[in-house]
N, C-alpha and C. Protein backbone atom coordinates (compact mmCIF):
# COMPACT_ATOMS: atom_id res chain seq x y z
N MET A 1 22.90 -29.70 25.63
CA MET A 1 23.03 -28.99 24.38
C MET A 1 21.66 -28.46 23.96
N ALA A 2 21.61 -27.22 23.55
CA ALA A 2 20.35 -26.58 23.15
C ALA A 2 19.88 -27.10 21.79
N LEU A 3 18.57 -27.23 21.66
CA LEU A 3 17.99 -27.63 20.39
C LEU A 3 18.05 -26.46 19.42
N LYS A 4 18.25 -26.77 18.16
CA LYS A 4 18.33 -25.72 17.13
C LYS A 4 17.00 -25.55 16.43
N ALA A 5 16.84 -24.39 15.84
CA ALA A 5 15.63 -24.09 15.07
C ALA A 5 15.60 -24.95 13.81
N THR A 6 14.39 -25.25 13.35
CA THR A 6 14.19 -25.96 12.10
C THR A 6 13.88 -24.92 11.02
N VAL A 7 14.56 -25.04 9.90
CA VAL A 7 14.39 -24.06 8.82
C VAL A 7 13.26 -24.49 7.89
N TYR A 8 12.36 -23.55 7.64
CA TYR A 8 11.27 -23.73 6.68
C TYR A 8 11.46 -22.72 5.56
N LYS A 9 11.26 -23.17 4.35
CA LYS A 9 11.35 -22.30 3.17
C LYS A 9 9.95 -22.17 2.57
N ALA A 10 9.59 -20.94 2.23
CA ALA A 10 8.27 -20.72 1.66
C ALA A 10 8.36 -19.75 0.49
N THR A 11 7.70 -20.12 -0.58
CA THR A 11 7.45 -19.18 -1.67
C THR A 11 6.02 -18.72 -1.48
N LEU A 12 5.83 -17.44 -1.28
CA LEU A 12 4.52 -16.89 -0.96
C LEU A 12 4.12 -15.87 -2.01
N ASN A 13 3.08 -16.19 -2.77
CA ASN A 13 2.53 -15.26 -3.75
C ASN A 13 1.37 -14.53 -3.08
N ILE A 14 1.45 -13.21 -3.03
CA ILE A 14 0.43 -12.41 -2.37
C ILE A 14 -0.31 -11.57 -3.40
N ALA A 15 -1.63 -11.68 -3.36
CA ALA A 15 -2.50 -10.82 -4.17
C ALA A 15 -3.46 -10.15 -3.19
N ASN A 16 -3.11 -8.92 -2.79
CA ASN A 16 -3.93 -8.18 -1.83
C ASN A 16 -4.74 -7.14 -2.60
N LEU A 17 -5.98 -7.46 -2.88
CA LEU A 17 -6.84 -6.55 -3.63
C LEU A 17 -7.24 -5.34 -2.80
N ASP A 18 -7.17 -5.44 -1.48
CA ASP A 18 -7.52 -4.32 -0.61
C ASP A 18 -6.47 -3.20 -0.65
N THR A 19 -5.20 -3.58 -0.74
CA THR A 19 -4.11 -2.58 -0.76
C THR A 19 -3.40 -2.49 -2.10
N HIS A 20 -3.81 -3.31 -3.06
CA HIS A 20 -3.20 -3.37 -4.39
C HIS A 20 -1.72 -3.75 -4.31
N TYR A 21 -1.44 -4.74 -3.49
CA TYR A 21 -0.08 -5.27 -3.34
C TYR A 21 -0.05 -6.66 -3.97
N TYR A 22 0.83 -6.83 -4.97
CA TYR A 22 0.92 -8.09 -5.72
C TYR A 22 2.39 -8.44 -5.87
N GLU A 23 2.86 -9.39 -5.06
CA GLU A 23 4.28 -9.75 -5.09
C GLU A 23 4.47 -11.22 -4.74
N GLU A 24 5.64 -11.74 -5.14
CA GLU A 24 6.05 -13.07 -4.73
C GLU A 24 7.25 -12.89 -3.80
N HIS A 25 7.23 -13.60 -2.68
CA HIS A 25 8.32 -13.52 -1.70
C HIS A 25 8.90 -14.91 -1.47
N SER A 26 10.21 -14.99 -1.45
CA SER A 26 10.91 -16.21 -1.05
C SER A 26 11.34 -16.00 0.40
N LEU A 27 10.74 -16.76 1.30
CA LEU A 27 10.94 -16.54 2.73
C LEU A 27 11.62 -17.72 3.39
N THR A 28 12.44 -17.41 4.38
CA THR A 28 13.05 -18.42 5.23
C THR A 28 12.56 -18.16 6.64
N LEU A 29 11.94 -19.16 7.24
CA LEU A 29 11.41 -19.04 8.59
C LEU A 29 12.15 -20.03 9.48
N ALA A 30 12.61 -19.55 10.62
CA ALA A 30 13.24 -20.43 11.60
C ALA A 30 12.19 -20.79 12.63
N LYS A 31 11.89 -22.08 12.74
CA LYS A 31 10.90 -22.55 13.71
C LYS A 31 11.62 -22.95 14.98
N HIS A 32 11.39 -22.17 16.03
CA HIS A 32 11.99 -22.44 17.33
C HIS A 32 11.52 -23.80 17.83
N PRO A 33 12.34 -24.57 18.55
CA PRO A 33 11.92 -25.89 19.03
C PRO A 33 10.62 -25.87 19.85
N SER A 34 10.33 -24.75 20.53
CA SER A 34 9.10 -24.68 21.33
C SER A 34 7.90 -24.16 20.53
N GLU A 35 8.11 -23.81 19.27
CA GLU A 35 7.05 -23.23 18.45
C GLU A 35 6.22 -24.33 17.77
N THR A 36 4.91 -24.11 17.70
CA THR A 36 4.02 -25.06 17.03
C THR A 36 3.90 -24.69 15.55
N ASP A 37 3.40 -25.64 14.76
CA ASP A 37 3.13 -25.36 13.35
C ASP A 37 2.09 -24.24 13.22
N GLU A 38 1.12 -24.23 14.13
CA GLU A 38 0.09 -23.19 14.10
C GLU A 38 0.73 -21.80 14.24
N ARG A 39 1.62 -21.64 15.20
CA ARG A 39 2.26 -20.34 15.42
C ARG A 39 3.14 -19.95 14.24
N LEU A 40 3.87 -20.91 13.70
CA LEU A 40 4.70 -20.65 12.53
C LEU A 40 3.85 -20.10 11.38
N MET A 41 2.71 -20.73 11.16
CA MET A 41 1.85 -20.31 10.04
C MET A 41 1.13 -18.99 10.34
N VAL A 42 0.86 -18.69 11.60
CA VAL A 42 0.31 -17.38 11.93
C VAL A 42 1.35 -16.30 11.64
N ARG A 43 2.63 -16.58 11.90
CA ARG A 43 3.68 -15.62 11.53
C ARG A 43 3.71 -15.40 10.03
N LEU A 44 3.58 -16.48 9.26
CA LEU A 44 3.56 -16.36 7.81
C LEU A 44 2.33 -15.58 7.34
N LEU A 45 1.20 -15.83 7.95
CA LEU A 45 -0.03 -15.10 7.63
C LEU A 45 0.13 -13.61 7.96
N ALA A 46 0.76 -13.31 9.08
CA ALA A 46 1.02 -11.91 9.46
C ALA A 46 1.89 -11.23 8.41
N PHE A 47 2.87 -11.97 7.89
CA PHE A 47 3.70 -11.41 6.82
C PHE A 47 2.83 -11.05 5.62
N ALA A 48 1.94 -11.95 5.25
CA ALA A 48 1.07 -11.70 4.09
C ALA A 48 0.15 -10.50 4.34
N MET A 49 -0.34 -10.35 5.55
CA MET A 49 -1.25 -9.24 5.88
C MET A 49 -0.57 -7.88 5.74
N PHE A 50 0.70 -7.80 6.12
CA PHE A 50 1.41 -6.52 6.16
C PHE A 50 2.63 -6.50 5.24
N ALA A 51 2.58 -7.31 4.19
CA ALA A 51 3.73 -7.49 3.30
C ALA A 51 4.26 -6.16 2.76
N ASN A 52 5.57 -6.13 2.72
CA ASN A 52 6.31 -4.96 2.28
C ASN A 52 7.74 -5.42 2.08
N GLU A 53 8.46 -4.79 1.17
CA GLU A 53 9.84 -5.23 0.91
C GLU A 53 10.75 -5.07 2.12
N ALA A 54 10.39 -4.23 3.09
CA ALA A 54 11.22 -4.01 4.27
C ALA A 54 10.76 -4.84 5.48
N LEU A 55 9.67 -5.58 5.37
CA LEU A 55 9.15 -6.38 6.49
C LEU A 55 10.01 -7.62 6.66
N THR A 56 10.47 -7.88 7.88
CA THR A 56 11.31 -9.04 8.15
C THR A 56 10.83 -9.76 9.41
N PHE A 57 11.22 -11.02 9.52
CA PHE A 57 10.90 -11.80 10.70
C PHE A 57 11.90 -11.46 11.80
N GLY A 58 11.40 -11.36 13.03
CA GLY A 58 12.26 -11.12 14.18
C GLY A 58 12.56 -12.43 14.89
N LYS A 59 13.26 -12.32 16.00
CA LYS A 59 13.62 -13.50 16.80
C LYS A 59 12.76 -13.54 18.06
N ASP A 60 11.47 -13.31 17.92
CA ASP A 60 10.60 -13.06 19.06
C ASP A 60 10.61 -14.12 20.14
N ILE A 61 10.69 -15.39 19.82
CA ILE A 61 10.68 -16.42 20.86
C ILE A 61 12.03 -16.49 21.56
N SER A 62 13.11 -16.37 20.82
CA SER A 62 14.43 -16.53 21.41
C SER A 62 15.05 -15.20 21.85
N GLU A 63 14.43 -14.09 21.54
CA GLU A 63 14.98 -12.77 21.83
C GLU A 63 13.86 -11.85 22.33
N ASP A 64 13.91 -11.46 23.60
CA ASP A 64 12.83 -10.65 24.19
C ASP A 64 12.68 -9.27 23.56
N ASP A 65 13.72 -8.74 22.98
CA ASP A 65 13.66 -7.39 22.43
C ASP A 65 13.25 -7.33 20.96
N GLU A 66 12.84 -8.45 20.41
CA GLU A 66 12.42 -8.47 19.01
C GLU A 66 11.02 -9.05 18.89
N PRO A 67 10.24 -8.52 17.94
CA PRO A 67 8.88 -9.02 17.72
C PRO A 67 8.88 -10.22 16.77
N ALA A 68 7.68 -10.69 16.46
CA ALA A 68 7.54 -11.76 15.46
C ALA A 68 7.95 -11.24 14.09
N LEU A 69 7.53 -10.00 13.76
CA LEU A 69 7.91 -9.34 12.51
C LEU A 69 8.08 -7.86 12.80
N TRP A 70 8.90 -7.23 11.97
CA TRP A 70 9.03 -5.78 12.07
C TRP A 70 9.50 -5.18 10.77
N ARG A 71 9.24 -3.88 10.67
CA ARG A 71 9.68 -3.10 9.52
C ARG A 71 10.39 -1.87 10.06
N LYS A 72 11.61 -1.67 9.58
CA LYS A 72 12.40 -0.51 10.02
C LYS A 72 12.56 0.45 8.85
N ASP A 73 12.74 1.73 9.17
CA ASP A 73 13.01 2.70 8.12
C ASP A 73 14.51 2.72 7.83
N LEU A 74 14.93 3.58 6.94
CA LEU A 74 16.34 3.61 6.52
C LEU A 74 17.30 4.03 7.63
N THR A 75 16.78 4.67 8.67
CA THR A 75 17.63 5.08 9.79
C THR A 75 17.73 3.98 10.85
N GLY A 76 16.93 2.93 10.70
CA GLY A 76 16.91 1.85 11.68
C GLY A 76 15.80 1.99 12.71
N ALA A 77 15.03 3.07 12.64
CA ALA A 77 13.89 3.24 13.54
C ALA A 77 12.78 2.26 13.15
N VAL A 78 12.08 1.75 14.14
CA VAL A 78 11.03 0.77 13.90
C VAL A 78 9.73 1.47 13.51
N ASP A 79 9.26 1.19 12.29
CA ASP A 79 7.98 1.73 11.80
C ASP A 79 6.81 0.85 12.20
N LEU A 80 7.01 -0.47 12.16
CA LEU A 80 5.93 -1.41 12.43
C LEU A 80 6.47 -2.57 13.25
N TRP A 81 5.81 -2.84 14.36
CA TRP A 81 6.17 -3.92 15.28
C TRP A 81 4.98 -4.86 15.34
N ILE A 82 5.15 -6.14 14.98
CA ILE A 82 4.05 -7.09 14.98
C ILE A 82 4.33 -8.21 15.98
N GLU A 83 3.46 -8.31 16.97
CA GLU A 83 3.50 -9.40 17.95
C GLU A 83 2.37 -10.36 17.64
N ILE A 84 2.57 -11.63 17.97
CA ILE A 84 1.49 -12.61 17.79
C ILE A 84 1.33 -13.40 19.08
N GLY A 85 0.13 -13.89 19.29
CA GLY A 85 -0.15 -14.69 20.48
C GLY A 85 -0.95 -13.89 21.49
N GLN A 86 -0.69 -14.16 22.75
CA GLN A 86 -1.38 -13.48 23.85
C GLN A 86 -0.34 -13.02 24.86
N PRO A 87 0.44 -12.01 24.48
CA PRO A 87 1.56 -11.58 25.32
C PRO A 87 1.11 -10.81 26.56
N ASP A 88 2.02 -10.66 27.46
CA ASP A 88 1.82 -9.85 28.65
C ASP A 88 1.67 -8.38 28.22
N GLU A 89 0.85 -7.64 28.93
CA GLU A 89 0.60 -6.23 28.62
C GLU A 89 1.89 -5.41 28.59
N ARG A 90 2.85 -5.75 29.43
CA ARG A 90 4.12 -5.00 29.48
C ARG A 90 4.87 -5.06 28.16
N ILE A 91 4.80 -6.19 27.47
CA ILE A 91 5.48 -6.34 26.18
C ILE A 91 4.87 -5.38 25.15
N ILE A 92 3.54 -5.29 25.14
CA ILE A 92 2.87 -4.40 24.19
C ILE A 92 3.13 -2.94 24.55
N ARG A 93 3.11 -2.61 25.82
CA ARG A 93 3.40 -1.24 26.26
C ARG A 93 4.82 -0.83 25.80
N LYS A 94 5.77 -1.72 25.98
CA LYS A 94 7.15 -1.45 25.56
C LYS A 94 7.24 -1.29 24.03
N ALA A 95 6.54 -2.16 23.30
CA ALA A 95 6.54 -2.07 21.83
C ALA A 95 5.94 -0.74 21.38
N CYS A 96 4.85 -0.30 22.03
CA CYS A 96 4.20 0.97 21.66
C CYS A 96 5.15 2.15 21.87
N GLY A 97 6.06 2.04 22.80
CA GLY A 97 7.04 3.08 23.03
C GLY A 97 8.21 3.05 22.05
N ARG A 98 8.43 1.90 21.43
CA ARG A 98 9.58 1.74 20.53
C ARG A 98 9.25 1.86 19.05
N SER A 99 7.96 1.81 18.69
CA SER A 99 7.59 1.75 17.28
C SER A 99 6.50 2.76 16.94
N LYS A 100 6.55 3.22 15.70
CA LYS A 100 5.51 4.13 15.22
C LYS A 100 4.14 3.46 15.27
N ASP A 101 4.04 2.21 14.80
CA ASP A 101 2.80 1.44 14.82
C ASP A 101 3.07 0.05 15.37
N VAL A 102 2.11 -0.47 16.14
CA VAL A 102 2.21 -1.80 16.72
C VAL A 102 0.95 -2.57 16.36
N VAL A 103 1.12 -3.82 15.94
CA VAL A 103 0.00 -4.71 15.65
C VAL A 103 0.17 -5.95 16.52
N LEU A 104 -0.91 -6.30 17.20
CA LEU A 104 -0.95 -7.54 17.97
C LEU A 104 -1.96 -8.44 17.28
N ILE A 105 -1.50 -9.63 16.88
CA ILE A 105 -2.39 -10.61 16.24
C ILE A 105 -2.64 -11.72 17.25
N LEU A 106 -3.86 -11.75 17.76
CA LEU A 106 -4.27 -12.76 18.74
C LEU A 106 -4.70 -14.03 18.03
N TYR A 107 -4.33 -15.17 18.60
CA TYR A 107 -4.84 -16.45 18.10
C TYR A 107 -4.83 -17.42 19.27
N GLY A 108 -5.57 -18.48 19.15
CA GLY A 108 -5.62 -19.49 20.19
C GLY A 108 -7.03 -19.64 20.75
N PRO A 109 -7.20 -20.62 21.61
CA PRO A 109 -8.55 -20.94 22.08
C PRO A 109 -9.14 -19.95 23.09
N HIS A 110 -8.32 -19.11 23.69
CA HIS A 110 -8.81 -18.24 24.77
C HIS A 110 -8.63 -16.76 24.47
N THR A 111 -8.69 -16.37 23.20
CA THR A 111 -8.45 -14.96 22.86
C THR A 111 -9.51 -14.04 23.44
N GLU A 112 -10.76 -14.49 23.49
CA GLU A 112 -11.83 -13.63 24.04
C GLU A 112 -11.58 -13.34 25.52
N LEU A 113 -11.17 -14.35 26.27
CA LEU A 113 -10.86 -14.14 27.69
C LEU A 113 -9.68 -13.18 27.86
N TRP A 114 -8.63 -13.39 27.04
CA TRP A 114 -7.45 -12.53 27.10
C TRP A 114 -7.86 -11.08 26.81
N TRP A 115 -8.69 -10.87 25.79
CA TRP A 115 -9.12 -9.53 25.42
C TRP A 115 -9.93 -8.88 26.54
N LYS A 116 -10.86 -9.61 27.14
CA LYS A 116 -11.67 -9.06 28.24
C LYS A 116 -10.78 -8.65 29.41
N LYS A 117 -9.78 -9.45 29.69
CA LYS A 117 -8.88 -9.16 30.81
C LYS A 117 -7.99 -7.94 30.53
N ASN A 118 -7.56 -7.77 29.30
CA ASN A 118 -6.54 -6.75 28.98
C ASN A 118 -7.05 -5.53 28.23
N GLN A 119 -8.26 -5.52 27.78
CA GLN A 119 -8.73 -4.48 26.88
C GLN A 119 -8.57 -3.06 27.46
N ARG A 120 -8.86 -2.85 28.73
CA ARG A 120 -8.71 -1.51 29.32
C ARG A 120 -7.28 -0.98 29.23
N ASP A 121 -6.30 -1.88 29.34
CA ASP A 121 -4.90 -1.46 29.29
C ASP A 121 -4.48 -0.94 27.92
N PHE A 122 -5.24 -1.30 26.87
CA PHE A 122 -4.83 -0.96 25.52
C PHE A 122 -5.63 0.16 24.87
N LEU A 123 -6.72 0.55 25.44
CA LEU A 123 -7.59 1.54 24.81
C LEU A 123 -6.94 2.90 24.62
N ASN A 124 -5.97 3.25 25.44
CA ASN A 124 -5.33 4.56 25.32
C ASN A 124 -4.01 4.52 24.54
N ARG A 125 -3.79 3.51 23.77
CA ARG A 125 -2.57 3.40 22.96
C ARG A 125 -2.90 3.80 21.51
N PRO A 126 -2.57 5.03 21.10
CA PRO A 126 -2.97 5.52 19.78
C PRO A 126 -2.28 4.83 18.61
N ASN A 127 -1.19 4.11 18.86
CA ASN A 127 -0.47 3.46 17.76
C ASN A 127 -0.65 1.94 17.75
N LEU A 128 -1.67 1.44 18.45
CA LEU A 128 -1.87 -0.01 18.58
C LEU A 128 -3.11 -0.48 17.82
N THR A 129 -2.93 -1.55 17.05
CA THR A 129 -4.01 -2.26 16.39
C THR A 129 -4.01 -3.69 16.92
N ILE A 130 -5.19 -4.21 17.26
CA ILE A 130 -5.30 -5.58 17.75
C ILE A 130 -6.26 -6.35 16.85
N ILE A 131 -5.76 -7.47 16.34
CA ILE A 131 -6.51 -8.32 15.41
C ILE A 131 -6.65 -9.70 16.03
N SER A 132 -7.85 -10.25 15.94
CA SER A 132 -8.08 -11.61 16.45
C SER A 132 -8.36 -12.54 15.27
N LEU A 133 -7.71 -13.70 15.28
CA LEU A 133 -7.92 -14.70 14.25
C LEU A 133 -8.77 -15.84 14.80
N PRO A 134 -9.71 -16.35 14.01
CA PRO A 134 -10.55 -17.45 14.49
C PRO A 134 -9.70 -18.69 14.79
N TYR A 135 -9.97 -19.29 15.93
CA TYR A 135 -9.21 -20.45 16.39
C TYR A 135 -9.25 -21.60 15.39
N GLU A 136 -10.41 -21.89 14.83
CA GLU A 136 -10.54 -23.00 13.88
C GLU A 136 -9.67 -22.75 12.64
N SER A 137 -9.60 -21.50 12.22
CA SER A 137 -8.81 -21.16 11.03
C SER A 137 -7.32 -21.32 11.29
N THR A 138 -6.86 -20.88 12.46
CA THR A 138 -5.42 -20.99 12.73
C THR A 138 -5.00 -22.44 12.93
N GLN A 139 -5.91 -23.25 13.47
CA GLN A 139 -5.61 -24.68 13.57
C GLN A 139 -5.50 -25.30 12.19
N ALA A 140 -6.37 -24.88 11.27
CA ALA A 140 -6.31 -25.39 9.90
C ALA A 140 -5.04 -24.93 9.19
N LEU A 141 -4.55 -23.73 9.53
CA LEU A 141 -3.30 -23.24 8.93
C LEU A 141 -2.14 -24.20 9.21
N ALA A 142 -2.15 -24.80 10.38
CA ALA A 142 -1.06 -25.71 10.75
C ALA A 142 -0.92 -26.85 9.75
N GLU A 143 -2.01 -27.23 9.12
CA GLU A 143 -1.97 -28.31 8.12
C GLU A 143 -1.18 -27.92 6.88
N LEU A 144 -1.01 -26.63 6.65
CA LEU A 144 -0.26 -26.14 5.48
C LEU A 144 1.25 -26.16 5.71
N ALA A 145 1.67 -26.31 6.95
CA ALA A 145 3.10 -26.21 7.30
C ALA A 145 3.89 -27.40 6.74
N LYS A 146 4.85 -27.08 5.91
CA LYS A 146 5.78 -28.07 5.35
C LYS A 146 7.18 -27.43 5.35
N ARG A 147 8.22 -28.22 5.38
CA ARG A 147 9.58 -27.68 5.37
C ARG A 147 9.85 -26.85 4.12
N SER A 148 9.20 -27.22 3.02
CA SER A 148 9.28 -26.47 1.78
C SER A 148 7.85 -26.23 1.30
N MET A 149 7.46 -24.96 1.21
CA MET A 149 6.07 -24.63 0.89
C MET A 149 5.99 -23.68 -0.29
N SER A 150 4.98 -23.88 -1.10
CA SER A 150 4.63 -22.94 -2.15
C SER A 150 3.18 -22.57 -1.90
N LEU A 151 2.95 -21.32 -1.49
CA LEU A 151 1.63 -20.88 -1.06
C LEU A 151 1.18 -19.63 -1.81
N THR A 152 -0.12 -19.50 -1.91
CA THR A 152 -0.72 -18.29 -2.48
C THR A 152 -1.64 -17.71 -1.42
N CYS A 153 -1.58 -16.39 -1.27
CA CYS A 153 -2.47 -15.72 -0.33
C CYS A 153 -3.25 -14.66 -1.09
N ASN A 154 -4.56 -14.81 -1.10
CA ASN A 154 -5.44 -13.81 -1.70
C ASN A 154 -6.15 -13.08 -0.57
N ILE A 155 -6.17 -11.75 -0.66
CA ILE A 155 -6.84 -10.93 0.34
C ILE A 155 -7.82 -10.01 -0.39
N GLU A 156 -9.08 -10.10 0.02
CA GLU A 156 -10.11 -9.25 -0.59
C GLU A 156 -11.19 -8.97 0.44
N ASP A 157 -11.54 -7.69 0.58
CA ASP A 157 -12.57 -7.26 1.52
C ASP A 157 -12.28 -7.76 2.94
N GLY A 158 -11.01 -7.75 3.31
CA GLY A 158 -10.61 -8.14 4.66
C GLY A 158 -10.54 -9.62 4.91
N THR A 159 -10.95 -10.44 3.95
CA THR A 159 -10.90 -11.89 4.10
C THR A 159 -9.66 -12.43 3.39
N MET A 160 -9.02 -13.39 4.03
CA MET A 160 -7.80 -13.97 3.48
C MET A 160 -8.04 -15.43 3.13
N MET A 161 -7.40 -15.86 2.05
CA MET A 161 -7.41 -17.27 1.69
C MET A 161 -5.96 -17.66 1.45
N LEU A 162 -5.47 -18.61 2.24
CA LEU A 162 -4.11 -19.11 2.09
C LEU A 162 -4.22 -20.51 1.50
N MET A 163 -3.53 -20.73 0.37
CA MET A 163 -3.69 -21.96 -0.38
C MET A 163 -2.36 -22.62 -0.72
N SER A 164 -2.37 -23.95 -0.65
CA SER A 164 -1.28 -24.76 -1.20
C SER A 164 -1.88 -25.48 -2.41
N ASP A 165 -1.13 -26.44 -2.96
CA ASP A 165 -1.67 -27.23 -4.08
C ASP A 165 -2.82 -28.13 -3.64
N THR A 166 -2.86 -28.49 -2.36
CA THR A 166 -3.84 -29.47 -1.90
C THR A 166 -4.86 -28.96 -0.89
N LEU A 167 -4.63 -27.79 -0.32
CA LEU A 167 -5.47 -27.33 0.78
C LEU A 167 -5.63 -25.81 0.74
N SER A 168 -6.79 -25.32 1.14
CA SER A 168 -6.97 -23.88 1.27
C SER A 168 -7.66 -23.59 2.60
N VAL A 169 -7.28 -22.47 3.19
CA VAL A 169 -7.82 -22.06 4.48
C VAL A 169 -8.33 -20.63 4.35
N ASN A 170 -9.58 -20.40 4.72
CA ASN A 170 -10.15 -19.06 4.74
C ASN A 170 -10.03 -18.48 6.14
N ILE A 171 -9.61 -17.23 6.22
CA ILE A 171 -9.44 -16.56 7.50
C ILE A 171 -10.08 -15.18 7.40
N THR A 172 -10.97 -14.89 8.34
CA THR A 172 -11.55 -13.55 8.41
C THR A 172 -11.13 -12.94 9.74
N PRO A 173 -10.10 -12.09 9.71
CA PRO A 173 -9.64 -11.45 10.94
C PRO A 173 -10.69 -10.48 11.49
N THR A 174 -10.74 -10.36 12.80
CA THR A 174 -11.60 -9.40 13.47
C THR A 174 -10.71 -8.33 14.10
N TYR A 175 -10.98 -7.07 13.76
CA TYR A 175 -10.23 -5.97 14.35
C TYR A 175 -10.89 -5.58 15.67
N LEU A 176 -10.20 -5.85 16.78
CA LEU A 176 -10.71 -5.49 18.10
C LEU A 176 -10.38 -4.04 18.43
N LEU A 177 -9.29 -3.56 17.88
CA LEU A 177 -8.83 -2.18 18.07
C LEU A 177 -8.07 -1.79 16.81
N LYS A 178 -8.51 -0.74 16.16
CA LYS A 178 -7.87 -0.35 14.90
C LYS A 178 -7.48 1.12 14.97
N ARG A 179 -6.21 1.37 14.79
CA ARG A 179 -5.68 2.72 14.87
C ARG A 179 -4.87 3.08 13.62
N ARG A 180 -4.79 4.34 13.35
CA ARG A 180 -3.91 4.92 12.32
C ARG A 180 -4.05 4.31 10.94
N GLY A 181 -5.21 3.88 10.55
CA GLY A 181 -5.42 3.45 9.19
C GLY A 181 -4.73 2.17 8.76
N LEU A 182 -4.28 1.35 9.71
CA LEU A 182 -3.66 0.08 9.34
C LEU A 182 -4.69 -0.88 8.79
């Protein structure tokens, strides 16, 4: 019998001073049995970075044709495709063909090696943005993971602070490749 996803509920208050986006979101996240708390929280952080009323979580681990997050227009066309982790180049190439904009958020202990190995494959993708998150910060994010969470995310000058009642984590993303004003 297959293991089922664990449901996490999050109330996320976002104050993005860089984009002037100020909203509260009630989110339901399904944590796949093979997913770590770190990855779950990176997905939540990605939501905060690109928050929009049309942004939704995909079935990326259990469904090859869906990203971690995406935003579709009213016709169903994909405007924004967000992958996280260190995926195979073929996945990103396919996403770039299916979406107006693609964002890859790298995290983990070997992101620099992954980038050195794959960077040439991505330089000619005009709709691709690649962001790297500091490993220490994403590990600290895992400490915020609870089945029921109330979090605040402040974003100013490209720096993010994700806070609960008892803990706060500062994250400064590094843009390795930035396209189309994202």
